[in-house]
Amino acid sequence: MEDVSDPPFRALCKEQGADVVYTEFISSEGLIRDAVKSTMKLDIYEKERPVGIQIFGANLDSMLQSVEIVEKSNPDIIDINFGCPVKKVVSKGAGAGILKDIDLMVSLTAAMVKRTRLPITVKTRLGWDHNSIKIVEVAERLQDVGCKAISIHGRTRAQMYKGEANWAPISEVKNNPRMHIPVFGNGDVNTPEKAMEMRDKYGLDGAMIGRASIGNPWFFKQVKHYFKTNEKLSPISLEERVDAAKRHLQMAIDWKGEKLGVFETRRHYTNYFRGIPHFKEYRMKMVTSDDAKDVFEVLDEVLDKFSNHEFV
């Protein structure tokens, strides 16, 4: 969720019912070198709580130093990302790259638990590849060294984001009689029905939502409504969508400045307005303009042009 789960986006998700939000993942090496892009990601706000700061790395000294830096932002949780499959992260032994060295994964977690008063949680994948899935054992070992919760993506690193996520091994972790920490599932939870299946069929403590929320902060509200009533909420109106897109853009500009604010909200527009026919012209205007004023004007055009469109 790099360049996605920033403060503006997290604020929108929180308003729509997200129970816990996490920062974009932050490089421990970037933090200890005071890299601007990394340190800026430490910004958190009271209205977000509970909020976790997620860091990644594979060097023990760097990770321990980064813990001390992260603590100054006073998050509620420090989450270690042992799941990112991106090549530039994995090639350094970080993210899902550490799944090749489970002993290092466990010892690094143990050292971080000892270094901070804050709860340490872990996000990971089933394994490096199909032949190395030992997630039940791995989760147990992480728990035994003090990890307070674990979120598991139902794919291996080799799968990247291809195929369907397999939640059965995550359920095995949860049903291990030795496990007592919360176990959260991740991967392909893109409808309220799937969220309910993860809870009721697989018995997990909750779902970590990523891609389904991009340009769709209402997803959290929709899931909670479905859990409560077993019925789907009415579709989000065009007015609500335009208002959210405007607020998102303005908050991003206020936080990052116009250039970055405009650039980094672009990926959300497709989902904000998914389902509108013949929308390509307007989407192209929004994702190619570098001027905030132009984007706001296009959003006004959208509201006027498609005011009669009904979402389903």
C-alpha atoms as a PDB file:
ATOM      1  CA  MET A   1       0.000   0.000   0.000  1.00  0.00           C
ATOM      2  CA  GLU A   2       2.955   2.341  -0.567  1.00  0.00           C
ATOM      3  CA  ASP A   3       1.763   5.790  -1.703  1.00  0.00           C
ATOM      4  CA  VAL A   4      -1.790   4.686  -0.824  1.00  0.00           C
ATOM      5  CA  SER A   5      -2.314   4.425   2.943  1.00  0.00           C
ATOM      6  CA  ASP A   6      -1.153   7.940   3.756  1.00  0.00           C
ATOM      7  CA  PRO A   7      -2.895  10.225   6.319  1.00  0.00           C
ATOM      8  CA  PRO A   8      -5.546  11.585   3.894  1.00  0.00           C
ATOM      9  CA  PHE A   9      -6.595   8.121   2.769  1.00  0.00           C
ATOM     10  CA  ARG A  10      -6.465   6.713   6.297  1.00  0.00           C
ATOM     11  CA  ALA A  11      -8.700   9.554   7.491  1.00  0.00           C
ATOM     12  CA  LEU A  12     -11.351   8.632   4.930  1.00  0.00           C
ATOM     13  CA  CYS A  13     -11.155   4.937   5.794  1.00  0.00           C
ATOM     14  CA  LYS A  14     -11.392   5.687   9.504  1.00  0.00           C
ATOM     15  CA  GLU A  15     -14.521   7.778   8.941  1.00  0.00           C
ATOM     16  CA  GLN A  16     -16.061   4.825   7.127  1.00  0.00           C
ATOM     17  CA  GLY A  17     -15.477   2.308   9.878  1.00  0.00           C
ATOM     18  CA  ALA A  18     -11.929   0.949   9.614  1.00  0.00           C
ATOM     19  CA  ASP A  19     -11.079  -0.328  13.106  1.00  0.00           C
ATOM     20  CA  VAL A  20      -7.289  -0.083  12.832  1.00  0.00           C
ATOM     21  CA  VAL A  21      -5.266   1.685  10.163  1.00  0.00           C
ATOM     22  CA  TYR A  22      -1.613   1.319   9.209  1.00  0.00           C
ATOM     23  CA  THR A  23       0.872   3.647   7.607  1.00  0.00           C
ATOM     24  CA  GLU A  24       2.528   2.889   4.311  1.00  0.00           C
ATOM     25  CA  PHE A  25       5.397   0.517   4.979  1.00  0.00           C
ATOM     26  CA  ILE A  26       8.585   2.370   5.862  1.00  0.00           C
ATOM     27  CA  SER A  27      12.151   1.315   5.161  1.00  0.00           C
ATOM     28  CA  SER A  28      14.223   0.915   8.308  1.00  0.00           C
ATOM     29  CA  GLU A  29      17.296   1.876   6.284  1.00  0.00           C
ATOM     30  CA  GLY A  30      15.535   5.037   5.105  1.00  0.00           C
ATOM     31  CA  LEU A  31      14.572   5.934   8.660  1.00  0.00           C
ATOM     32  CA  ILE A  32      18.049   5.647  10.124  1.00  0.00           C
ATOM     33  CA  ARG A  33      19.423   7.701   7.241  1.00  0.00           C
ATOM     34  CA  ASP A  34      16.725  10.336   7.782  1.00  0.00           C
ATOM     35  CA  ALA A  35      15.439  10.003   4.205  1.00  0.00           C
ATOM     36  CA  VAL A  36      12.679  12.555   3.663  1.00  0.00           C
ATOM     37  CA  LYS A  37      10.265  10.106   2.032  1.00  0.00           C
ATOM     38  CA  SER A  38      10.643   7.650   4.906  1.00  0.00           C
ATOM     39  CA  THR A  39      10.403  10.097   7.799  1.00  0.00           C
ATOM     40  CA  MET A  40       7.356  11.821   6.285  1.00  0.00           C
ATOM     41  CA  LYS A  41       5.486   8.514   6.506  1.00  0.00           C
ATOM     42  CA  LEU A  42       5.786   8.683  10.291  1.00  0.00           C
ATOM     43  CA  ASP A  43       3.115  11.392  10.425  1.00  0.00           C
ATOM     44  CA  ILE A  44       0.104  10.121  12.362  1.00  0.00           C
ATOM     45  CA  TYR A  45      -2.827  11.969  13.904  1.00  0.00           C
ATOM     46  CA  GLU A  46      -4.989  11.466  16.982  1.00  0.00           C
ATOM     47  CA  LYS A  47      -8.149  10.940  14.928  1.00  0.00           C
ATOM     48  CA  GLU A  48      -6.579   7.845  13.367  1.00  0.00           C
ATOM     49  CA  ARG A  49      -6.111   5.855  16.558  1.00  0.00           C
ATOM     50  CA  PRO A  50      -5.599   3.023  16.932  1.00  0.00           C
ATOM     51  CA  VAL A  51      -2.912   3.337  14.270  1.00  0.00           C
ATOM     52  CA  GLY A  52       0.109   1.202  13.480  1.00  0.00           C
ATOM     53  CA  ILE A  53       3.384   2.168  11.858  1.00  0.00           C
ATOM     54  CA  GLN A  54       4.649  -0.564   9.566  1.00  0.00           C
ATOM     55  CA  ILE A  55       8.375  -0.970   8.928  1.00  0.00           C
ATOM     56  CA  PHE A  56      10.452  -3.372   6.876  1.00  0.00           C
ATOM     57  CA  GLY A  57      14.076  -4.428   6.764  1.00  0.00           C
ATOM     58  CA  ALA A  58      16.388  -7.372   7.300  1.00  0.00           C
ATOM     59  CA  ASN A  59      19.327  -5.856   9.184  1.00  0.00           C
ATOM     60  CA  LEU A  60      19.004  -6.232  12.953  1.00  0.00           C
ATOM     61  CA  ASP A  61      20.850  -3.051  13.902  1.00  0.00           C
ATOM     62  CA  SER A  62      18.871  -0.959  11.411  1.00  0.00           C
ATOM     63  CA  MET A  63      15.561  -2.404  12.558  1.00  0.00           C
ATOM     64  CA  LEU A  64      16.354  -1.768  16.220  1.00  0.00           C
ATOM     65  CA  GLN A  65      17.428   1.800  15.504  1.00  0.00           C
ATOM     66  CA  SER A  66      14.257   2.353  13.495  1.00  0.00           C
ATOM     67  CA  VAL A  67      12.156   1.194  16.458  1.00  0.00           C
ATOM     68  CA  GLU A  68      13.569   4.029  18.548  1.00  0.00           C
ATOM     69  CA  ILE A  69      12.736   6.503  15.779  1.00  0.00           C
ATOM     70  CA  VAL A  70       9.222   5.127  15.315  1.00  0.00           C
ATOM     71  CA  GLU A  71       8.489   5.317  19.045  1.00  0.00           C
ATOM     72  CA  LYS A  72       8.820   9.105  18.907  1.00  0.00           C
ATOM     73  CA  SER A  73       5.682   9.228  16.726  1.00  0.00           C
ATOM     74  CA  ASN A  74       3.833   7.365  19.495  1.00  0.00           C
ATOM     75  CA  PRO A  75       1.872   4.851  17.412  1.00  0.00           C
ATOM     76  CA  ASP A  76      -0.346   2.268  19.060  1.00  0.00           C
ATOM     77  CA  ILE A  77       1.351  -0.606  17.241  1.00  0.00           C
ATOM     78  CA  ILE A  78       4.600  -1.332  15.408  1.00  0.00           C
ATOM     79  CA  ASP A  79       3.986  -3.775  12.571  1.00  0.00           C
ATOM     80  CA  ILE A  80       6.799  -5.624  10.803  1.00  0.00           C
ATOM     81  CA  ASN A  81       6.253  -6.261   7.113  1.00  0.00           C
ATOM     82  CA  PHE A  82       7.523  -9.750   6.301  1.00  0.00           C
ATOM     83  CA  GLY A  83       5.180 -10.058   3.328  1.00  0.00           C
ATOM     84  CA  CYS A  84       5.905  -7.509   0.588  1.00  0.00           C
ATOM     85  CA  PRO A  85       6.705  -9.475  -2.603  1.00  0.00           C
ATOM     86  CA  VAL A  86       8.168  -6.584  -4.632  1.00  0.00           C
ATOM     87  CA  LYS A  87      11.562  -7.438  -6.131  1.00  0.00           C
ATOM     88  CA  LYS A  88      13.418  -4.337  -4.900  1.00  0.00           C
ATOM     89  CA  VAL A  89      12.408  -5.185  -1.312  1.00  0.00           C
ATOM     90  CA  VAL A  90      12.859  -8.960  -1.549  1.00  0.00           C
ATOM     91  CA  SER A  91      16.290  -8.647  -3.175  1.00  0.00           C
ATOM     92  CA  LYS A  92      17.561  -7.094   0.053  1.00  0.00           C
ATOM     93  CA  GLY A  93      16.215  -9.948   2.132  1.00  0.00           C
ATOM     94  CA  ALA A  94      13.389  -7.800   3.484  1.00  0.00           C
ATOM     95  CA  GLY A  95       9.615  -8.138   3.142  1.00  0.00           C
ATOM     96  CA  ALA A  96       8.775 -11.623   1.863  1.00  0.00           C
ATOM     97  CA  GLY A  97      12.471 -12.142   1.207  1.00  0.00           C
ATOM     98  CA  ILE A  98      12.935 -13.083   4.841  1.00  0.00           C
ATOM     99  CA  LEU A  99      10.683 -16.118   4.314  1.00  0.00           C
ATOM    100  CA  LYS A 100      13.829 -17.817   3.031  1.00  0.00           C
ATOM    101  CA  ASP A 101      15.335 -17.458   6.506  1.00  0.00           C
ATOM    102  CA  ILE A 102      12.710 -18.183   9.157  1.00  0.00           C
ATOM    103  CA  ASP A 103      15.295 -18.216  11.954  1.00  0.00           C
ATOM    104  CA  LEU A 104      16.247 -14.624  11.099  1.00  0.00           C
ATOM    105  CA  MET A 105      12.564 -13.676  10.905  1.00  0.00           C
ATOM    106  CA  VAL A 106      11.984 -15.011  14.408  1.00  0.00           C
ATOM    107  CA  SER A 107      15.155 -13.621  15.976  1.00  0.00           C
ATOM    108  CA  LEU A 108      14.551 -10.183  14.479  1.00  0.00           C
ATOM    109  CA  THR A 109      10.999 -10.156  15.849  1.00  0.00           C
ATOM    110  CA  ALA A 110      12.230 -11.265  19.272  1.00  0.00           C
ATOM    111  CA  ALA A 111      14.830  -8.500  19.390  1.00  0.00           C
ATOM    112  CA  MET A 112      12.270  -5.849  18.444  1.00  0.00           C
ATOM    113  CA  VAL A 113       9.823  -7.085  21.082  1.00  0.00           C
ATOM    114  CA  LYS A 114      12.539  -6.671  23.696  1.00  0.00           C
ATOM    115  CA  ARG A 115      13.490  -3.198  22.443  1.00  0.00           C
ATOM    116  CA  THR A 116      10.090  -1.481  22.757  1.00  0.00           C
ATOM    117  CA  ARG A 117       7.146  -1.120  25.131  1.00  0.00           C
ATOM    118  CA  LEU A 118       4.803  -0.991  22.122  1.00  0.00           C
ATOM    119  CA  PRO A 119       3.073  -4.143  20.859  1.00  0.00           C
ATOM    120  CA  ILE A 120       4.840  -5.730  17.899  1.00  0.00           C
ATOM    121  CA  THR A 121       2.692  -7.372  15.222  1.00  0.00           C
ATOM    122  CA  VAL A 122       3.679  -9.124  12.006  1.00  0.00           C
ATOM    123  CA  LYS A 123       2.323  -9.150   8.452  1.00  0.00           C
ATOM    124  CA  THR A 124       3.544 -12.045   6.320  1.00  0.00           C
ATOM    125  CA  ARG A 125       2.670 -14.599   3.616  1.00  0.00           C
ATOM    126  CA  LEU A 126       2.133 -18.352   3.611  1.00  0.00           C
ATOM    127  CA  GLY A 127       5.742 -18.985   2.634  1.00  0.00           C
ATOM    128  CA  TRP A 128       8.331 -18.336  -0.047  1.00  0.00           C
ATOM    129  CA  ASP A 129       6.779 -20.862  -2.444  1.00  0.00           C
ATOM    130  CA  HIS A 130       4.423 -23.824  -2.420  1.00  0.00           C
ATOM    131  CA  ASN A 131       7.156 -26.172  -1.204  1.00  0.00           C
ATOM    132  CA  SER A 132       8.090 -24.051   1.792  1.00  0.00           C
ATOM    133  CA  ILE A 133       4.728 -23.372   3.456  1.00  0.00           C
ATOM    134  CA  LYS A 134       5.277 -23.788   7.193  1.00  0.00           C
ATOM    135  CA  ILE A 135       3.059 -20.948   8.344  1.00  0.00           C
ATOM    136  CA  VAL A 136       1.569 -22.847  11.315  1.00  0.00           C
ATOM    137  CA  GLU A 137       5.041 -23.420  12.756  1.00  0.00           C
ATOM    138  CA  VAL A 138       6.214 -19.909  11.823  1.00  0.00           C
ATOM    139  CA  ALA A 139       3.214 -18.228  13.465  1.00  0.00           C
ATOM    140  CA  GLU A 140       3.687 -20.273  16.617  1.00  0.00           C
ATOM    141  CA  ARG A 141       7.355 -19.313  16.827  1.00  0.00           C
ATOM    142  CA  LEU A 142       6.548 -15.635  16.310  1.00  0.00           C
ATOM    143  CA  GLN A 143       3.945 -15.800  19.058  1.00  0.00           C
ATOM    144  CA  ASP A 144       6.413 -17.498  21.387  1.00  0.00           C
ATOM    145  CA  VAL A 145       8.900 -14.618  21.081  1.00  0.00           C
ATOM    146  CA  GLY A 146       6.259 -12.008  21.895  1.00  0.00           C
ATOM    147  CA  CYS A 147       4.454 -11.079  18.673  1.00  0.00           C
ATOM    148  CA  LYS A 148       1.010  -9.777  19.722  1.00  0.00           C
ATOM    149  CA  ALA A 149      -0.919 -10.494  16.498  1.00  0.00           C
ATOM    150  CA  ILE A 150      -0.255 -11.832  13.026  1.00  0.00           C
ATOM    151  CA  SER A 151      -1.785 -10.984   9.649  1.00  0.00           C
ATOM    152  CA  ILE A 152      -1.280 -13.548   6.905  1.00  0.00           C
ATOM    153  CA  HIS A 153      -1.722 -13.040   3.173  1.00  0.00           C
ATOM    154  CA  GLY A 154      -3.065 -16.208   1.593  1.00  0.00           C
ATOM    155  CA  ARG A 155      -0.431 -16.433  -1.135  1.00  0.00           C
ATOM    156  CA  THR A 156       3.246 -17.319  -1.289  1.00  0.00           C
ATOM    157  CA  ARG A 157       5.839 -14.847  -2.465  1.00  0.00           C
ATOM    158  CA  ALA A 158       6.224 -16.871  -5.676  1.00  0.00           C
ATOM    159  CA  GLN A 159       2.550 -16.256  -6.458  1.00  0.00           C
ATOM    160  CA  MET A 160       2.866 -12.489  -6.037  1.00  0.00           C
ATOM    161  CA  TYR A 161      -0.804 -11.460  -6.523  1.00  0.00           C
ATOM    162  CA  LYS A 162      -1.700 -14.149  -9.060  1.00  0.00           C
ATOM    163  CA  GLY A 163      -4.364 -16.796  -8.627  1.00  0.00           C
ATOM    164  CA  GLU A 164      -6.707 -16.976  -5.668  1.00  0.00           C
ATOM    165  CA  ALA A 165      -5.623 -16.441  -2.089  1.00  0.00           C
ATOM    166  CA  ASN A 166      -5.733 -19.648  -0.056  1.00  0.00           C
ATOM    167  CA  TRP A 167      -7.226 -18.988   3.370  1.00  0.00           C
ATOM    168  CA  ALA A 168      -7.176 -22.616   4.550  1.00  0.00           C
ATOM    169  CA  PRO A 169      -3.593 -22.472   5.893  1.00  0.00           C
ATOM    170  CA  ILE A 170      -4.463 -19.249   7.741  1.00  0.00           C
ATOM    171  CA  SER A 171      -7.358 -21.095   9.364  1.00  0.00           C
ATOM    172  CA  GLU A 172      -4.911 -23.834  10.394  1.00  0.00           C
ATOM    173  CA  VAL A 173      -2.878 -21.187  12.190  1.00  0.00           C
ATOM    174  CA  LYS A 174      -5.959 -19.908  13.996  1.00  0.00           C
ATOM    175  CA  ASN A 175      -7.092 -23.429  14.940  1.00  0.00           C
ATOM    176  CA  ASN A 176      -3.701 -24.459  16.274  1.00  0.00           C
ATOM    177  CA  PRO A 177      -4.509 -25.063  19.968  1.00  0.00           C
ATOM    178  CA  ARG A 178      -1.235 -23.434  20.964  1.00  0.00           C
ATOM    179  CA  MET A 179      -2.137 -20.127  19.336  1.00  0.00           C
ATOM    180  CA  HIS A 180      -3.723 -17.474  21.514  1.00  0.00           C
ATOM    181  CA  ILE A 181      -2.894 -14.222  19.707  1.00  0.00           C
ATOM    182  CA  PRO A 182      -5.283 -12.727  17.122  1.00  0.00           C
ATOM    183  CA  VAL A 183      -4.904 -14.110  13.591  1.00  0.00           C
ATOM    184  CA  PHE A 184      -6.022 -11.897  10.717  1.00  0.00           C
ATOM    185  CA  GLY A 185      -6.497 -12.903   7.101  1.00  0.00           C
ATOM    186  CA  ASN A 186      -5.499 -10.953   4.021  1.00  0.00           C
ATOM    187  CA  GLY A 187      -5.895 -11.382   0.293  1.00  0.00           C
ATOM    188  CA  ASP A 188      -8.961 -11.215  -1.972  1.00  0.00           C
ATOM    189  CA  VAL A 189     -11.348  -9.813   0.654  1.00  0.00           C
ATOM    190  CA  ASN A 190     -13.111  -7.624  -1.886  1.00  0.00           C
ATOM    191  CA  THR A 191     -16.791  -8.081  -0.993  1.00  0.00           C
ATOM    192  CA  PRO A 192     -18.737  -8.090   2.281  1.00  0.00           C
ATOM    193  CA  GLU A 193     -19.625 -11.725   1.604  1.00  0.00           C
ATOM    194  CA  LYS A 194     -15.966 -12.709   1.471  1.00  0.00           C
ATOM    195  CA  ALA A 195     -15.266 -10.849   4.695  1.00  0.00           C
ATOM    196  CA  MET A 196     -18.072 -12.824   6.347  1.00  0.00           C
ATOM    197  CA  GLU A 197     -16.710 -16.076   4.912  1.00  0.00           C
ATOM    198  CA  MET A 198     -13.282 -15.297   6.348  1.00  0.00           C
ATOM    199  CA  ARG A 199     -14.880 -14.787   9.748  1.00  0.00           C
ATOM    200  CA  ASP A 200     -17.503 -17.532   9.818  1.00  0.00           C
ATOM    201  CA  LYS A 201     -16.067 -20.314   7.652  1.00  0.00           C
ATOM    202  CA  TYR A 202     -12.381 -19.861   8.414  1.00  0.00           C
ATOM    203  CA  GLY A 203     -12.788 -18.580  11.968  1.00  0.00           C
ATOM    204  CA  LEU A 204     -10.324 -15.725  11.701  1.00  0.00           C
ATOM    205  CA  ASP A 205     -10.285 -12.789  14.081  1.00  0.00           C
ATOM    206  CA  GLY A 206     -10.550 -10.199  11.354  1.00  0.00           C
ATOM    207  CA  ALA A 207      -9.544  -9.162   7.873  1.00  0.00           C
ATOM    208  CA  MET A 208      -6.774  -6.850   6.761  1.00  0.00           C
ATOM    209  CA  ILE A 209      -8.123  -4.933   3.780  1.00  0.00           C
ATOM    210  CA  GLY A 210      -5.788  -3.496   1.180  1.00  0.00           C
ATOM    211  CA  ARG A 211      -6.532  -3.285  -2.521  1.00  0.00           C
ATOM    212  CA  ALA A 212     -10.329  -3.411  -2.069  1.00  0.00           C
ATOM    213  CA  SER A 213     -10.225  -0.082  -0.250  1.00  0.00           C
ATOM    214  CA  ILE A 214      -8.291   1.888  -2.880  1.00  0.00           C
ATOM    215  CA  GLY A 215     -10.669   4.574  -4.086  1.00  0.00           C
ATOM    216  CA  ASN A 216     -13.338   2.831  -2.015  1.00  0.00           C
ATOM    217  CA  PRO A 217     -13.088   3.867   1.660  1.00  0.00           C
ATOM    218  CA  TRP A 218     -16.770   2.891   2.051  1.00  0.00           C
ATOM    219  CA  PHE A 219     -15.790  -0.779   1.929  1.00  0.00           C
ATOM    220  CA  PHE A 220     -15.359  -0.887   5.715  1.00  0.00           C
ATOM    221  CA  LYS A 221     -18.833   0.519   6.315  1.00  0.00           C
ATOM    222  CA  GLN A 222     -20.303  -1.898   3.805  1.00  0.00           C
ATOM    223  CA  VAL A 223     -18.704  -4.897   5.521  1.00  0.00           C
ATOM    224  CA  LYS A 224     -19.874  -3.853   8.976  1.00  0.00           C
ATOM    225  CA  HIS A 225     -23.414  -3.248   7.749  1.00  0.00           C
ATOM    226  CA  TYR A 226     -23.462  -6.683   6.126  1.00  0.00           C
ATOM    227  CA  PHE A 227     -22.206  -8.316   9.321  1.00  0.00           C
ATOM    228  CA  LYS A 228     -24.942  -6.610  11.315  1.00  0.00           C
ATOM    229  CA  THR A 229     -27.910  -7.046   8.963  1.00  0.00           C
ATOM    230  CA  ASN A 230     -26.880  -9.682   6.398  1.00  0.00           C
ATOM    231  CA  GLU A 231     -27.946  -7.123   3.801  1.00  0.00           C
ATOM    232  CA  LYS A 232     -25.943  -4.891   1.506  1.00  0.00           C
ATOM    233  CA  LEU A 233     -25.927  -1.132   1.861  1.00  0.00           C
ATOM    234  CA  SER A 234     -27.403   0.978  -0.901  1.00  0.00           C
ATOM    235  CA  PRO A 235     -24.798   1.899  -3.539  1.00  0.00           C
ATOM    236  CA  ILE A 236     -22.662   4.944  -2.809  1.00  0.00           C
ATOM    237  CA  SER A 237     -24.098   7.946  -4.654  1.00  0.00           C
ATOM    238  CA  LEU A 238     -22.215  10.019  -7.182  1.00  0.00           C
ATOM    239  CA  GLU A 239     -22.408  13.004  -4.836  1.00  0.00           C
ATOM    240  CA  GLU A 240     -20.689  11.046  -2.070  1.00  0.00           C
ATOM    241  CA  ARG A 241     -18.035   9.816  -4.474  1.00  0.00           C
ATOM    242  CA  VAL A 242     -17.237  13.272  -5.807  1.00  0.00           C
ATOM    243  CA  ASP A 243     -17.180  14.728  -2.305  1.00  0.00           C
ATOM    244  CA  ALA A 244     -14.777  12.029  -1.106  1.00  0.00           C
ATOM    245  CA  ALA A 245     -12.519  12.507  -4.132  1.00  0.00           C
ATOM    246  CA  LYS A 246     -12.400  16.262  -3.525  1.00  0.00           C
ATOM    247  CA  ARG A 247     -11.690  15.893   0.168  1.00  0.00           C
ATOM    248  CA  HIS A 248      -9.059  13.280  -0.532  1.00  0.00           C
ATOM    249  CA  LEU A 249      -7.312  15.537  -3.022  1.00  0.00           C
ATOM    250  CA  GLN A 250      -7.461  18.582  -0.756  1.00  0.00           C
ATOM    251  CA  MET A 251      -6.103  16.685   2.259  1.00  0.00           C
ATOM    252  CA  ALA A 252      -3.312  15.255   0.109  1.00  0.00           C
ATOM    253  CA  ILE A 253      -2.378  18.731  -1.106  1.00  0.00           C
ATOM    254  CA  ASP A 254      -2.443  20.094   2.443  1.00  0.00           C
ATOM    255  CA  TRP A 255      -0.138  17.301   3.590  1.00  0.00           C
ATOM    256  CA  LYS A 256       2.223  16.789   0.639  1.00  0.00           C
ATOM    257  CA  GLY A 257       1.940  19.946  -1.413  1.00  0.00           C
ATOM    258  CA  GLU A 258       0.171  20.328  -4.746  1.00  0.00           C
ATOM    259  CA  LYS A 259       2.555  18.382  -6.967  1.00  0.00           C
ATOM    260  CA  LEU A 260       2.688  15.196  -4.877  1.00  0.00           C
ATOM    261  CA  GLY A 261      -0.886  15.561  -3.665  1.00  0.00           C
ATOM    262  CA  VAL A 262      -2.233  15.606  -7.218  1.00  0.00           C
ATOM    263  CA  PHE A 263       0.059  12.809  -8.365  1.00  0.00           C
ATOM    264  CA  GLU A 264      -0.565  10.365  -5.538  1.00  0.00           C
ATOM    265  CA  THR A 265      -4.356  10.586  -5.569  1.00  0.00           C
ATOM    266  CA  ARG A 266      -4.530   9.581  -9.234  1.00  0.00           C
ATOM    267  CA  ARG A 267      -4.656   5.845  -8.595  1.00  0.00           C
ATOM    268  CA  HIS A 268      -7.872   6.243  -6.595  1.00  0.00           C
ATOM    269  CA  TYR A 269      -9.997   7.864  -9.299  1.00  0.00           C
ATOM    270  CA  THR A 270     -10.687   4.690 -11.285  1.00  0.00           C
ATOM    271  CA  ASN A 271     -12.326   3.076  -8.261  1.00  0.00           C
ATOM    272  CA  TYR A 272     -14.066   6.221  -7.041  1.00  0.00           C
ATOM    273  CA  PHE A 273     -15.984   6.267 -10.306  1.00  0.00           C
ATOM    274  CA  ARG A 274     -15.980   2.607 -11.329  1.00  0.00           C
ATOM    275  CA  GLY A 275     -19.124   1.621 -13.178  1.00  0.00           C
ATOM    276  CA  ILE A 276     -19.808   4.918 -14.920  1.00  0.00           C
ATOM    277  CA  PRO A 277     -20.090   4.296 -18.685  1.00  0.00           C
ATOM    278  CA  HIS A 278     -18.024   6.365 -21.109  1.00  0.00           C
ATOM    279  CA  PHE A 279     -15.959   7.776 -18.258  1.00  0.00           C
ATOM    280  CA  LYS A 280     -12.534   7.377 -19.880  1.00  0.00           C
ATOM    281  CA  GLU A 281     -12.343  10.991 -21.101  1.00  0.00           C
ATOM    282  CA  TYR A 282     -12.833  12.352 -17.594  1.00  0.00           C
ATOM    283  CA  ARG A 283     -10.540   9.828 -15.950  1.00  0.00           C
ATOM    284  CA  MET A 284      -7.776  10.702 -18.403  1.00  0.00           C
ATOM    285  CA  LYS A 285      -8.169  14.387 -17.568  1.00  0.00           C
ATOM    286  CA  MET A 286      -7.852  13.643 -13.859  1.00  0.00           C
ATOM    287  CA  VAL A 287      -4.810  11.373 -14.132  1.00  0.00           C
ATOM    288  CA  THR A 288      -2.872  13.544 -16.571  1.00  0.00           C
ATOM    289  CA  SER A 289      -3.364  16.986 -15.038  1.00  0.00           C
ATOM    290  CA  ASP A 290      -0.671  18.381 -12.734  1.00  0.00           C
ATOM    291  CA  ASP A 291      -2.855  21.291 -11.678  1.00  0.00           C
ATOM    292  CA  ALA A 292      -5.167  20.812  -8.694  1.00  0.00           C
ATOM    293  CA  LYS A 293      -7.550  23.482  -9.980  1.00  0.00           C
ATOM    294  CA  ASP A 294      -8.043  21.504 -13.183  1.00  0.00           C
ATOM    295  CA  VAL A 295      -8.757  18.280 -11.287  1.00  0.00           C
ATOM    296  CA  PHE A 296     -11.333  19.979  -9.069  1.00  0.00           C
ATOM    297  CA  GLU A 297     -13.005  21.387 -12.186  1.00  0.00           C
ATOM    298  CA  VAL A 298     -13.146  17.927 -13.776  1.00  0.00           C
ATOM    299  CA  LEU A 299     -14.746  16.563 -10.602  1.00  0.00           C
ATOM    300  CA  ASP A 300     -17.411  19.254 -10.873  1.00  0.00           C
ATOM    301  CA  GLU A 301     -17.934  18.280 -14.519  1.00  0.00           C
ATOM    302  CA  VAL A 302     -18.369  14.646 -13.490  1.00  0.00           C
ATOM    303  CA  LEU A 303     -21.025  15.580 -10.969  1.00  0.00           C
ATOM    304  CA  ASP A 304     -22.905  17.583 -13.588  1.00  0.00           C
ATOM    305  CA  LYS A 305     -22.453  15.195 -16.506  1.00  0.00           C
ATOM    306  CA  PHE A 306     -23.335  11.944 -14.739  1.00  0.00           C
ATOM    307  CA  SER A 307     -25.836  13.178 -12.158  1.00  0.00           C
ATOM    308  CA  ASN A 308     -28.462  10.737 -13.431  1.00  0.00           C
ATOM    309  CA  HIS A 309     -26.227   7.677 -13.282  1.00  0.00           C
ATOM    310  CA  GLU A 310     -27.331   5.020 -10.833  1.00  0.00           C
ATOM    311  CA  PHE A 311     -24.719   2.800  -9.225  1.00  0.00           C
ATOM    312  CA  VAL A 312     -25.479  -0.856  -8.572  1.00  0.00           C
END
